[in-house]
C-alpha atoms as a PDB file:
ATOM      1  CA  MET A   1     161.103 139.331 101.708  1.00  0.00           C
ATOM      2  CA  ILE A   2     160.105 139.090  98.095  1.00  0.00           C
ATOM      3  CA  ASN A   3     158.961 135.727  96.663  1.00  0.00           C
ATOM      4  CA  SER A   4     161.169 133.698  99.023  1.00  0.00           C
ATOM      5  CA  TYR A   5     161.986 130.110  98.046  1.00  0.00           C
ATOM      6  CA  ALA A   6     164.007 129.318 101.184  1.00  0.00           C
ATOM      7  CA  ILE A   7     164.472 131.375 104.340  1.00  0.00           C
ATOM      8  CA  GLY A   8     167.475 131.366 106.668  1.00  0.00           C
ATOM      9  CA  LYS A   9     168.525 133.473 109.651  1.00  0.00           C
ATOM     10  CA  LYS A  10     170.250 136.284 107.745  1.00  0.00           C
ATOM     11  CA  ILE A  11     169.365 135.564 104.127  1.00  0.00           C
ATOM     12  CA  TYR A  12     166.676 134.205 101.911  1.00  0.00           C
ATOM     13  CA  LEU A  13     166.861 132.643  98.462  1.00  0.00           C
ATOM     14  CA  ARG A  14     164.496 133.547  95.655  1.00  0.00           C
ATOM     15  CA  ALA A  15     164.194 133.242  91.906  1.00  0.00           C
ATOM     16  CA  PRO A  16     166.272 135.895  90.108  1.00  0.00           C
ATOM     17  CA  VAL A  17     164.433 138.770  88.467  1.00  0.00           C
ATOM     18  CA  GLU A  18     165.471 141.048  85.634  1.00  0.00           C
ATOM     19  CA  GLU A  19     166.149 143.850  88.128  1.00  0.00           C
ATOM     20  CA  ASP A  20     168.937 141.650  89.576  1.00  0.00           C
ATOM     21  CA  VAL A  21     170.560 141.511  86.140  1.00  0.00           C
ATOM     22  CA  ARG A  22     170.358 145.277  85.759  1.00  0.00           C
ATOM     23  CA  GLY A  23     171.689 145.767  89.299  1.00  0.00           C
ATOM     24  CA  ASN A  24     175.154 144.716  90.440  1.00  0.00           C
ATOM     25  CA  TRP A  25     174.998 141.043  89.392  1.00  0.00           C
ATOM     26  CA  TYR A  26     176.635 141.522  86.012  1.00  0.00           C
ATOM     27  CA  GLN A  27     179.354 143.701  87.568  1.00  0.00           C
ATOM     28  CA  TRP A  28     180.346 141.047  90.125  1.00  0.00           C
ATOM     29  CA  LEU A  29     181.436 138.770  87.289  1.00  0.00           C
ATOM     30  CA  SER A  30     183.834 141.378  85.911  1.00  0.00           C
ATOM     31  CA  ASP A  31     185.432 142.177  89.286  1.00  0.00           C
ATOM     32  CA  PRO A  32     188.841 140.430  89.512  1.00  0.00           C
ATOM     33  CA  GLU A  33     188.632 140.280  93.313  1.00  0.00           C
ATOM     34  CA  ILE A  34     185.275 138.483  93.269  1.00  0.00           C
ATOM     35  CA  THR A  35     186.153 136.163  90.374  1.00  0.00           C
ATOM     36  CA  ALA A  36     189.739 135.354  91.449  1.00  0.00           C
ATOM     37  CA  PHE A  37     188.942 131.655  91.847  1.00  0.00           C
ATOM     38  CA  LEU A  38     186.336 131.200  89.108  1.00  0.00           C
ATOM     39  CA  GLY A  39     187.230 129.310  85.957  1.00  0.00           C
ATOM     40  CA  GLU A  40     184.998 131.542  83.812  1.00  0.00           C
ATOM     41  CA  ARG A  41     186.415 134.962  84.546  1.00  0.00           C
ATOM     42  CA  TRP A  42     188.495 135.989  81.605  1.00  0.00           C
ATOM     43  CA  TRP A  43     186.024 138.075  79.568  1.00  0.00           C
ATOM     44  CA  PRO A  44     184.291 141.205  80.837  1.00  0.00           C
ATOM     45  CA  ASN A  45     180.652 140.674  81.685  1.00  0.00           C
ATOM     46  CA  THR A  46     177.901 142.938  80.375  1.00  0.00           C
ATOM     47  CA  ILE A  47     174.251 143.503  81.136  1.00  0.00           C
ATOM     48  CA  GLU A  48     173.457 141.864  77.779  1.00  0.00           C
ATOM     49  CA  SER A  49     175.545 138.764  78.593  1.00  0.00           C
ATOM     50  CA  GLN A  50     173.999 138.495  82.048  1.00  0.00           C
ATOM     51  CA  LEU A  51     170.512 138.937  80.596  1.00  0.00           C
ATOM     52  CA  SER A  52     171.207 136.152  78.108  1.00  0.00           C
ATOM     53  CA  PHE A  53     172.318 133.855  80.966  1.00  0.00           C
ATOM     54  CA  TYR A  54     169.281 134.852  83.032  1.00  0.00           C
ATOM     55  CA  ASN A  55     166.906 134.123  80.139  1.00  0.00           C
ATOM     56  CA  SER A  56     168.562 130.757  79.444  1.00  0.00           C
ATOM     57  CA  THR A  57     168.075 129.591  83.026  1.00  0.00           C
ATOM     58  CA  ARG A  58     164.590 130.889  83.830  1.00  0.00           C
ATOM     59  CA  ASP A  59     162.754 127.778  82.684  1.00  0.00           C
ATOM     60  CA  SER A  60     165.622 125.301  82.939  1.00  0.00           C
ATOM     61  CA  LYS A  61     165.128 122.041  84.794  1.00  0.00           C
ATOM     62  CA  GLU A  62     168.860 121.303  84.569  1.00  0.00           C
ATOM     63  CA  ARG A  63     169.952 124.403  86.475  1.00  0.00           C
ATOM     64  CA  LEU A  64     168.380 126.014  89.531  1.00  0.00           C
ATOM     65  CA  VAL A  65     169.715 129.552  89.929  1.00  0.00           C
ATOM     66  CA  LEU A  66     168.727 131.469  93.052  1.00  0.00           C
ATOM     67  CA  SER A  67     169.378 135.033  94.140  1.00  0.00           C
ATOM     68  CA  ILE A  68     170.816 135.396  97.625  1.00  0.00           C
ATOM     69  CA  CYS A  69     169.146 138.290  99.459  1.00  0.00           C
ATOM     70  CA  ASP A  70     169.767 139.931 102.808  1.00  0.00           C
ATOM     71  CA  LYS A  71     166.636 139.487 104.958  1.00  0.00           C
ATOM     72  CA  GLU A  72     166.990 142.832 106.672  1.00  0.00           C
ATOM     73  CA  SER A  73     167.277 144.997 103.545  1.00  0.00           C
ATOM     74  CA  ASP A  74     166.065 142.733 100.688  1.00  0.00           C
ATOM     75  CA  GLU A  75     169.378 143.592  98.972  1.00  0.00           C
ATOM     76  CA  HIS A  76     170.504 141.144  96.292  1.00  0.00           C
ATOM     77  CA  ILE A  77     173.947 140.111  97.570  1.00  0.00           C
ATOM     78  CA  GLY A  78     174.855 137.065  95.497  1.00  0.00           C
ATOM     79  CA  VAL A  79     173.781 134.047  93.501  1.00  0.00           C
ATOM     80  CA  CYS A  80     173.925 130.321  94.031  1.00  0.00           C
ATOM     81  CA  ASN A  81     172.990 127.400  91.879  1.00  0.00           C
ATOM     82  CA  LEU A  82     172.608 123.734  91.375  1.00  0.00           C
ATOM     83  CA  SER A  83     173.725 123.052  87.814  1.00  0.00           C
ATOM     84  CA  SER A  84     174.125 120.072  85.502  1.00  0.00           C
ATOM     85  CA  ILE A  85     171.214 118.496  87.380  1.00  0.00           C
ATOM     86  CA  SER A  86     170.751 114.901  86.311  1.00  0.00           C
ATOM     87  CA  TRP A  87     167.299 113.642  87.206  1.00  0.00           C
ATOM     88  CA  VAL A  88     168.281 110.110  86.120  1.00  0.00           C
ATOM     89  CA  HIS A  89     171.432 109.918  88.248  1.00  0.00           C
ATOM     90  CA  ARG A  90     170.066 112.350  90.874  1.00  0.00           C
ATOM     91  CA  ASN A  91     173.134 114.555  91.144  1.00  0.00           C
ATOM     92  CA  ALA A  92     174.170 118.158  90.529  1.00  0.00           C
ATOM     93  CA  ASP A  93     177.045 120.604  90.734  1.00  0.00           C
ATOM     94  CA  VAL A  94     176.859 123.242  93.457  1.00  0.00           C
ATOM     95  CA  ALA A  95     178.245 126.794  93.390  1.00  0.00           C
ATOM     96  CA  LEU A  96     177.779 130.180  95.021  1.00  0.00           C
ATOM     97  CA  ILE A  97     179.059 133.736  94.749  1.00  0.00           C
ATOM     98  CA  ILE A  98     178.599 136.458  97.345  1.00  0.00           C
ATOM     99  CA  GLY A  99     179.050 139.505  95.109  1.00  0.00           C
ATOM    100  CA  GLU A 100     178.414 142.358  97.517  1.00  0.00           C
ATOM    101  CA  LYS A 101     181.705 142.750  99.338  1.00  0.00           C
ATOM    102  CA  LYS A 102     180.234 143.937 102.647  1.00  0.00           C
ATOM    103  CA  PHE A 103     178.486 140.528 102.900  1.00  0.00           C
ATOM    104  CA  GLN A 104     181.573 138.451 102.121  1.00  0.00           C
ATOM    105  CA  THR A 105     182.021 137.243 105.654  1.00  0.00           C
ATOM    106  CA  GLY A 106     181.932 133.501 106.112  1.00  0.00           C
ATOM    107  CA  THR A 107     178.514 133.491 107.723  1.00  0.00           C
ATOM    108  CA  TYR A 108     176.669 134.433 104.522  1.00  0.00           C
ATOM    109  CA  ALA A 109     178.453 131.790 102.444  1.00  0.00           C
ATOM    110  CA  ILE A 110     177.925 129.188 105.176  1.00  0.00           C
ATOM    111  CA  GLU A 111     174.210 129.907 105.414  1.00  0.00           C
ATOM    112  CA  THR A 112     173.840 129.923 101.622  1.00  0.00           C
ATOM    113  CA  LEU A 113     175.559 126.564 101.198  1.00  0.00           C
ATOM    114  CA  SER A 114     173.545 125.097 104.056  1.00  0.00           C
ATOM    115  CA  MET A 115     170.292 126.158 102.427  1.00  0.00           C
ATOM    116  CA  LEU A 116     171.399 125.018  98.967  1.00  0.00           C
ATOM    117  CA  VAL A 117     172.396 121.567 100.241  1.00  0.00           C
ATOM    118  CA  GLN A 118     169.059 121.292 102.076  1.00  0.00           C
ATOM    119  CA  ILE A 119     167.203 122.193  98.861  1.00  0.00           C
ATOM    120  CA  ALA A 120     169.212 119.672  96.825  1.00  0.00           C
ATOM    121  CA  PHE A 121     168.708 116.742  99.171  1.00  0.00           C
ATOM    122  CA  SER A 122     165.322 117.446 100.769  1.00  0.00           C
ATOM    123  CA  ARG A 123     163.311 119.314  98.127  1.00  0.00           C
ATOM    124  CA  LEU A 124     164.819 118.024  94.890  1.00  0.00           C
ATOM    125  CA  ASN A 125     165.572 114.512  96.180  1.00  0.00           C
ATOM    126  CA  LEU A 126     169.102 114.452  94.798  1.00  0.00           C
ATOM    127  CA  LEU A 127     171.613 111.891  96.061  1.00  0.00           C
ATOM    128  CA  ASN A 128     174.983 113.511  95.310  1.00  0.00           C
ATOM    129  CA  LEU A 129     176.470 116.979  94.995  1.00  0.00           C
ATOM    130  CA  LYS A 130     179.743 117.788  93.292  1.00  0.00           C
ATOM    131  CA  SER A 131     181.889 120.843  93.753  1.00  0.00           C
ATOM    132  CA  ALA A 132     185.184 121.862  92.183  1.00  0.00           C
ATOM    133  CA  HIS A 133     187.705 124.503  93.172  1.00  0.00           C
ATOM    134  CA  MET A 134     191.189 125.664  92.299  1.00  0.00           C
ATOM    135  CA  SER A 135     193.831 124.315  94.663  1.00  0.00           C
ATOM    136  CA  SER A 136     194.971 127.929  95.176  1.00  0.00           C
ATOM    137  CA  ASN A 137     191.565 128.867  96.629  1.00  0.00           C
ATOM    138  CA  PRO A 138     191.935 129.111 100.430  1.00  0.00           C
ATOM    139  CA  TYR A 139     188.210 129.601 101.161  1.00  0.00           C
ATOM    140  CA  THR A 140     186.191 126.924  99.382  1.00  0.00           C
ATOM    141  CA  PRO A 141     187.986 123.927 100.962  1.00  0.00           C
ATOM    142  CA  LEU A 142     187.165 125.257 104.439  1.00  0.00           C
ATOM    143  CA  LEU A 143     183.512 125.709 103.506  1.00  0.00           C
ATOM    144  CA  GLU A 144     183.296 122.273 101.904  1.00  0.00           C
ATOM    145  CA  LYS A 145     184.937 120.636 104.913  1.00  0.00           C
ATOM    146  CA  MET A 146     182.313 122.155 107.227  1.00  0.00           C
ATOM    147  CA  PHE A 147     179.613 120.369 105.243  1.00  0.00           C
ATOM    148  CA  GLY A 148     181.407 117.051 104.826  1.00  0.00           C
ATOM    149  CA  PHE A 149     182.410 117.298 101.163  1.00  0.00           C
ATOM    150  CA  VAL A 150     185.287 114.892 100.484  1.00  0.00           C
ATOM    151  CA  GLU A 151     187.933 115.102  97.792  1.00  0.00           C
ATOM    152  CA  VAL A 152     187.262 112.487  95.108  1.00  0.00           C
ATOM    153  CA  GLY A 153     189.607 113.642  92.372  1.00  0.00           C
ATOM    154  CA  ARG A 154     192.155 116.125  91.189  1.00  0.00           C
ATOM    155  CA  LEU A 155     193.139 117.331  87.748  1.00  0.00           C
ATOM    156  CA  SER A 156     196.740 118.482  87.933  1.00  0.00           C
ATOM    157  CA  ASP A 157     197.865 121.812  86.471  1.00  0.00           C
ATOM    158  CA  TYR A 158     194.366 122.255  85.061  1.00  0.00           C
ATOM    159  CA  MET A 159     193.448 125.894  85.814  1.00  0.00           C
ATOM    160  CA  PHE A 160     195.376 129.113  85.218  1.00  0.00           C
ATOM    161  CA  SER A 161     195.492 131.294  88.327  1.00  0.00           C
ATOM    162  CA  ASN A 162     197.708 134.246  89.208  1.00  0.00           C
ATOM    163  CA  GLY A 163     200.311 133.482  86.556  1.00  0.00           C
ATOM    164  CA  SER A 164     200.613 129.722  87.034  1.00  0.00           C
ATOM    165  CA  TYR A 165     198.675 126.518  86.576  1.00  0.00           C
ATOM    166  CA  VAL A 166     197.041 124.946  89.624  1.00  0.00           C
ATOM    167  CA  ASP A 167     195.098 121.763  90.271  1.00  0.00           C
ATOM    168  CA  LEU A 168     191.330 121.529  89.994  1.00  0.00           C
ATOM    169  CA  VAL A 169     190.083 119.732  93.117  1.00  0.00           C
ATOM    170  CA  ILE A 170     186.800 117.824  92.787  1.00  0.00           C
ATOM    171  CA  THR A 171     184.744 117.107  95.897  1.00  0.00           C
ATOM    172  CA  GLN A 172     181.526 115.237  96.602  1.00  0.00           C
ATOM    173  CA  LEU A 173     178.820 115.238  99.244  1.00  0.00           C
ATOM    174  CA  LYS A 174     176.490 112.246  99.437  1.00  0.00           C
ATOM    175  CA  ARG A 175     172.999 112.700 100.824  1.00  0.00           C
ATOM    176  CA  ASP A 176     173.374 109.722 103.170  1.00  0.00           C
ATOM    177  CA  ASP A 177     176.553 111.190 104.678  1.00  0.00           C
ATOM    178  CA  TRP A 178     174.923 114.627 104.986  1.00  0.00           C
ATOM    179  CA  ALA A 179     171.843 113.086 106.628  1.00  0.00           C
ATOM    180  CA  LYS A 180     173.930 111.178 109.188  1.00  0.00           C
ATOM    181  CA  ARG A 181     175.944 114.308 110.072  1.00  0.00           C
ATOM    182  CA  ASN A 182     172.771 116.339 110.510  1.00  0.00           C
ATOM    183  CA  GLY A 183     170.559 113.813 112.306  1.00  0.00           C
ATOM    184  CA  LYS A 184     168.218 113.428 109.334  1.00  0.00           C
ATOM    185  CA  ILE A 185     168.217 109.610 109.490  1.00  0.00           C
END
């Protein structure tokens, strides 16, 4: 493990490095299969664009971007983040992408979200997490349900997906609810 920030059973999270940008990371965001349910997927990604994003987030206190790495091989398999962090209101948006297709089984996404939620509530002392997904996405609602995210809003016909407009579903997880579900209180 290299510079681990959080360690799980199969993965660990660490700060991204420039080698991640020059590896497969930038390619994941141009792959239509990987980005099928992302709102920001319409323009091809480049090393230069990814490097610009990487540089903009390195010292940010409003966005925590972490590389997801396989413990066994140290392979960079995805990214996750807490973004739009509000230190006044103590909330953030949560997102993750498993870019390496051989790791796109549910267990890697589940472990990543578990670790990211733990970081948000226990290390960063946030109170609320928000997530949003296209209503056509069959995977994210299952993952969110496992962690107790609840639907709090819906923007109808808001996102373009596979030739039609679909709803954007907004969900929330409160730290108190998470703590009760996980015996933290």
